[in-house]
């Protein structure tokens, strides 16, 4: 008699399907976040001449909300680049002279799955995060990118 198990327990099709759905949603969310960050990094804010921060907030019901510290003009350019409706990217006003807290997340590569949600949570709550996955491209010097990224 053959015995089929899944995650060390007797096979249950509902559990398998829930896990597949959960993994599919997670991969989709990661793809949306990567696309939004990639699009934002390729646009210069027409009002400031700098690259603006983009925040991808996960919402209930497998939805996302996009916010930026960039100007409304930057938000419109980002919407066009992403192919979303006008008003989908919210431009959040930063009080003049206000200094947002900054965090550098040092971690081992194997800890990245645990650190990424922390980085996303901090960013969603107004803390500027320097996270290698977002701030270092292939061939970049980590030390040089940190100095450049923290100069603002």
C-alpha atoms as a PDB file:
ATOM      1  CA  UNK A   1       0.000   0.000   0.000  1.00  0.00           C
ATOM      2  CA  UNK A   2       1.411   3.381  -1.015  1.00  0.00           C
ATOM      3  CA  UNK A   3       1.252   6.255   1.390  1.00  0.00           C
ATOM      4  CA  UNK A   4       1.345   9.808   0.075  1.00  0.00           C
ATOM      5  CA  UNK A   5       2.477  12.625   2.334  1.00  0.00           C
ATOM      6  CA  UNK A   6       2.866  16.370   1.936  1.00  0.00           C
ATOM      7  CA  UNK A   7       5.065  18.308   4.361  1.00  0.00           C
ATOM      8  CA  UNK A   8       5.374  15.202   6.495  1.00  0.00           C
ATOM      9  CA  UNK A   9       1.629  14.731   6.915  1.00  0.00           C
ATOM     10  CA  UNK A  10      -0.936  12.605   5.090  1.00  0.00           C
ATOM     11  CA  UNK A  11      -1.720  14.183   1.719  1.00  0.00           C
ATOM     12  CA  UNK A  12      -4.577  16.687   1.738  1.00  0.00           C
ATOM     13  CA  UNK A  13      -5.515  18.293  -1.578  1.00  0.00           C
ATOM     14  CA  UNK A  14      -7.010  21.382   0.117  1.00  0.00           C
ATOM     15  CA  UNK A  15      -3.761  22.049   2.004  1.00  0.00           C
ATOM     16  CA  UNK A  16      -1.763  21.639  -1.198  1.00  0.00           C
ATOM     17  CA  UNK A  17      -4.038  24.033  -3.092  1.00  0.00           C
ATOM     18  CA  UNK A  18      -3.889  26.640  -0.302  1.00  0.00           C
ATOM     19  CA  UNK A  19      -0.091  26.457  -0.330  1.00  0.00           C
ATOM     20  CA  UNK A  20       0.046  26.797  -4.124  1.00  0.00           C
ATOM     21  CA  UNK A  21      -2.301  29.806  -3.980  1.00  0.00           C
ATOM     22  CA  UNK A  22      -0.264  31.427  -1.189  1.00  0.00           C
ATOM     23  CA  UNK A  23       3.001  30.914  -3.091  1.00  0.00           C
ATOM     24  CA  UNK A  24       1.451  32.209  -6.316  1.00  0.00           C
ATOM     25  CA  UNK A  25       0.186  35.358  -4.611  1.00  0.00           C
ATOM     26  CA  UNK A  26       3.576  35.941  -2.971  1.00  0.00           C
ATOM     27  CA  UNK A  27       5.386  35.597  -6.307  1.00  0.00           C
ATOM     28  CA  UNK A  28       2.887  37.943  -7.944  1.00  0.00           C
ATOM     29  CA  UNK A  29       3.316  40.537  -5.188  1.00  0.00           C
ATOM     30  CA  UNK A  30       7.104  40.327  -5.487  1.00  0.00           C
ATOM     31  CA  UNK A  31       6.829  40.835  -9.251  1.00  0.00           C
ATOM     32  CA  UNK A  32       4.604  43.905  -8.790  1.00  0.00           C
ATOM     33  CA  UNK A  33       7.021  45.354  -6.233  1.00  0.00           C
ATOM     34  CA  UNK A  34      10.030  44.733  -8.482  1.00  0.00           C
ATOM     35  CA  UNK A  35       8.276  46.290 -11.490  1.00  0.00           C
ATOM     36  CA  UNK A  36       7.249  49.389  -9.514  1.00  0.00           C
ATOM     37  CA  UNK A  37      10.718  49.883  -8.041  1.00  0.00           C
ATOM     38  CA  UNK A  38      12.361  49.304 -11.410  1.00  0.00           C
ATOM     39  CA  UNK A  39      10.072  51.805 -13.128  1.00  0.00           C
ATOM     40  CA  UNK A  40      10.594  54.395 -10.383  1.00  0.00           C
ATOM     41  CA  UNK A  41      14.372  54.039 -10.510  1.00  0.00           C
ATOM     42  CA  UNK A  42      14.368  54.886 -14.219  1.00  0.00           C
ATOM     43  CA  UNK A  43      12.430  58.144 -13.802  1.00  0.00           C
ATOM     44  CA  UNK A  44      13.830  61.463 -12.623  1.00  0.00           C
ATOM     45  CA  UNK A  45      11.349  63.699 -10.814  1.00  0.00           C
ATOM     46  CA  UNK A  46      10.749  66.634 -13.188  1.00  0.00           C
ATOM     47  CA  UNK A  47      10.287  69.039 -10.260  1.00  0.00           C
ATOM     48  CA  UNK A  48      13.346  68.077  -8.177  1.00  0.00           C
ATOM     49  CA  UNK A  49      15.701  66.511 -10.712  1.00  0.00           C
ATOM     50  CA  UNK A  50      16.239  63.518  -8.403  1.00  0.00           C
ATOM     51  CA  UNK A  51      14.973  59.960  -8.159  1.00  0.00           C
ATOM     52  CA  UNK A  52      12.001  59.719  -5.803  1.00  0.00           C
ATOM     53  CA  UNK A  53      11.216  56.975  -3.308  1.00  0.00           C
ATOM     54  CA  UNK A  54       8.403  54.573  -4.120  1.00  0.00           C
ATOM     55  CA  UNK A  55       6.465  52.621  -1.508  1.00  0.00           C
ATOM     56  CA  UNK A  56       4.547  49.482  -2.429  1.00  0.00           C
ATOM     57  CA  UNK A  57       2.066  48.761   0.342  1.00  0.00           C
ATOM     58  CA  UNK A  58       0.320  45.419   0.455  1.00  0.00           C
ATOM     59  CA  UNK A  59      -3.386  45.791   1.077  1.00  0.00           C
ATOM     60  CA  UNK A  60      -6.084  43.316   2.135  1.00  0.00           C
ATOM     61  CA  UNK A  61      -7.569  41.255  -0.663  1.00  0.00           C
ATOM     62  CA  UNK A  62      -4.233  40.780  -2.464  1.00  0.00           C
ATOM     63  CA  UNK A  63      -4.123  44.404  -3.593  1.00  0.00           C
ATOM     64  CA  UNK A  64      -1.304  46.930  -3.543  1.00  0.00           C
ATOM     65  CA  UNK A  65      -1.190  50.682  -3.020  1.00  0.00           C
ATOM     66  CA  UNK A  66       1.602  52.749  -4.561  1.00  0.00           C
ATOM     67  CA  UNK A  67       2.906  55.891  -2.855  1.00  0.00           C
ATOM     68  CA  UNK A  68       5.813  58.177  -3.611  1.00  0.00           C
ATOM     69  CA  UNK A  69       7.599  61.046  -1.904  1.00  0.00           C
ATOM     70  CA  UNK A  70       8.049  62.437  -5.398  1.00  0.00           C
ATOM     71  CA  UNK A  71       6.055  65.274  -6.892  1.00  0.00           C
ATOM     72  CA  UNK A  72       2.600  64.761  -8.408  1.00  0.00           C
ATOM     73  CA  UNK A  73       4.317  65.058 -11.826  1.00  0.00           C
ATOM     74  CA  UNK A  74       6.597  62.151 -10.868  1.00  0.00           C
ATOM     75  CA  UNK A  75       3.551  60.131  -9.760  1.00  0.00           C
ATOM     76  CA  UNK A  76       1.878  60.724 -13.166  1.00  0.00           C
ATOM     77  CA  UNK A  77       5.050  59.667 -15.037  1.00  0.00           C
ATOM     78  CA  UNK A  78       5.259  56.526 -12.900  1.00  0.00           C
ATOM     79  CA  UNK A  79       1.599  55.702 -13.590  1.00  0.00           C
ATOM     80  CA  UNK A  80       2.218  56.043 -17.312  1.00  0.00           C
ATOM     81  CA  UNK A  81       5.340  53.843 -17.113  1.00  0.00           C
ATOM     82  CA  UNK A  82       3.451  51.186 -15.129  1.00  0.00           C
ATOM     83  CA  UNK A  83       0.339  51.385 -17.325  1.00  0.00           C
ATOM     84  CA  UNK A  84      -2.023  52.088 -14.427  1.00  0.00           C
ATOM     85  CA  UNK A  85      -4.864  54.596 -14.167  1.00  0.00           C
ATOM     86  CA  UNK A  86      -4.283  58.220 -13.176  1.00  0.00           C
ATOM     87  CA  UNK A  87      -4.459  58.592  -9.413  1.00  0.00           C
ATOM     88  CA  UNK A  88      -3.222  55.047  -8.718  1.00  0.00           C
ATOM     89  CA  UNK A  89       0.141  56.371  -7.442  1.00  0.00           C
ATOM     90  CA  UNK A  90      -0.325  58.666  -4.466  1.00  0.00           C
ATOM     91  CA  UNK A  91       2.142  61.522  -4.015  1.00  0.00           C
ATOM     92  CA  UNK A  92       2.692  61.978  -0.274  1.00  0.00           C
ATOM     93  CA  UNK A  93       3.808  65.394   0.818  1.00  0.00           C
ATOM     94  CA  UNK A  94       6.983  65.638   2.845  1.00  0.00           C
ATOM     95  CA  UNK A  95       7.072  68.516   5.309  1.00  0.00           C
ATOM     96  CA  UNK A  96       9.761  71.034   4.376  1.00  0.00           C
ATOM     97  CA  UNK A  97      12.862  70.518   6.483  1.00  0.00           C
ATOM     98  CA  UNK A  98      11.619  67.218   7.880  1.00  0.00           C
ATOM     99  CA  UNK A  99      14.222  64.504   8.110  1.00  0.00           C
ATOM    100  CA  UNK A 100      12.931  60.994   7.618  1.00  0.00           C
ATOM    101  CA  UNK A 101      14.594  58.331   9.737  1.00  0.00           C
ATOM    102  CA  UNK A 102      17.054  56.187   7.761  1.00  0.00           C
ATOM    103  CA  UNK A 103      17.914  52.554   8.391  1.00  0.00           C
ATOM    104  CA  UNK A 104      20.633  50.363   6.923  1.00  0.00           C
ATOM    105  CA  UNK A 105      19.622  46.701   7.090  1.00  0.00           C
ATOM    106  CA  UNK A 106      22.752  44.603   7.439  1.00  0.00           C
ATOM    107  CA  UNK A 107      22.043  40.888   7.043  1.00  0.00           C
ATOM    108  CA  UNK A 108      23.393  37.603   5.792  1.00  0.00           C
ATOM    109  CA  UNK A 109      22.214  36.441   2.372  1.00  0.00           C
ATOM    110  CA  UNK A 110      20.392  33.473   3.892  1.00  0.00           C
ATOM    111  CA  UNK A 111      18.412  35.886   6.130  1.00  0.00           C
ATOM    112  CA  UNK A 112      17.052  37.911   3.186  1.00  0.00           C
ATOM    113  CA  UNK A 113      13.583  36.216   3.259  1.00  0.00           C
ATOM    114  CA  UNK A 114      13.255  37.303   6.897  1.00  0.00           C
ATOM    115  CA  UNK A 115      14.711  40.811   6.395  1.00  0.00           C
ATOM    116  CA  UNK A 116      12.681  41.790   3.283  1.00  0.00           C
ATOM    117  CA  UNK A 117       9.330  41.988   5.198  1.00  0.00           C
ATOM    118  CA  UNK A 118      11.019  44.141   7.858  1.00  0.00           C
ATOM    119  CA  UNK A 119      12.313  46.493   5.147  1.00  0.00           C
ATOM    120  CA  UNK A 120       8.871  46.663   3.526  1.00  0.00           C
ATOM    121  CA  UNK A 121       7.181  47.354   6.872  1.00  0.00           C
ATOM    122  CA  UNK A 122       9.617  50.153   7.717  1.00  0.00           C
ATOM    123  CA  UNK A 123       9.244  51.747   4.262  1.00  0.00           C
ATOM    124  CA  UNK A 124       5.453  51.573   4.523  1.00  0.00           C
ATOM    125  CA  UNK A 125       5.692  53.468   7.811  1.00  0.00           C
ATOM    126  CA  UNK A 126       7.863  56.324   6.554  1.00  0.00           C
ATOM    127  CA  UNK A 127      11.319  55.030   7.424  1.00  0.00           C
ATOM    128  CA  UNK A 128      13.841  55.284   4.593  1.00  0.00           C
ATOM    129  CA  UNK A 129      15.502  51.893   4.262  1.00  0.00           C
ATOM    130  CA  UNK A 130      18.774  51.108   2.531  1.00  0.00           C
ATOM    131  CA  UNK A 131      18.338  47.471   1.519  1.00  0.00           C
ATOM    132  CA  UNK A 132      20.894  45.848  -0.762  1.00  0.00           C
ATOM    133  CA  UNK A 133      18.255  44.156  -2.910  1.00  0.00           C
ATOM    134  CA  UNK A 134      16.796  47.551  -3.828  1.00  0.00           C
ATOM    135  CA  UNK A 135      19.886  49.737  -3.751  1.00  0.00           C
ATOM    136  CA  UNK A 136      22.720  47.710  -5.267  1.00  0.00           C
ATOM    137  CA  UNK A 137      22.805  46.680  -8.899  1.00  0.00           C
ATOM    138  CA  UNK A 138      25.152  44.112 -10.435  1.00  0.00           C
ATOM    139  CA  UNK A 139      28.699  45.468 -10.420  1.00  0.00           C
ATOM    140  CA  UNK A 140      28.010  48.219  -7.844  1.00  0.00           C
ATOM    141  CA  UNK A 141      30.283  48.731  -4.870  1.00  0.00           C
ATOM    142  CA  UNK A 142      28.259  48.319  -1.662  1.00  0.00           C
ATOM    143  CA  UNK A 143      30.399  50.885   0.169  1.00  0.00           C
ATOM    144  CA  UNK A 144      30.119  53.454  -2.635  1.00  0.00           C
ATOM    145  CA  UNK A 145      26.338  52.936  -3.009  1.00  0.00           C
ATOM    146  CA  UNK A 146      25.847  53.412   0.734  1.00  0.00           C
ATOM    147  CA  UNK A 147      27.793  56.710   0.734  1.00  0.00           C
ATOM    148  CA  UNK A 148      25.862  57.955  -2.313  1.00  0.00           C
ATOM    149  CA  UNK A 149      22.505  56.732  -0.971  1.00  0.00           C
ATOM    150  CA  UNK A 150      23.011  58.265   2.467  1.00  0.00           C
ATOM    151  CA  UNK A 151      24.146  61.652   1.212  1.00  0.00           C
ATOM    152  CA  UNK A 152      20.573  62.925   0.931  1.00  0.00           C
END
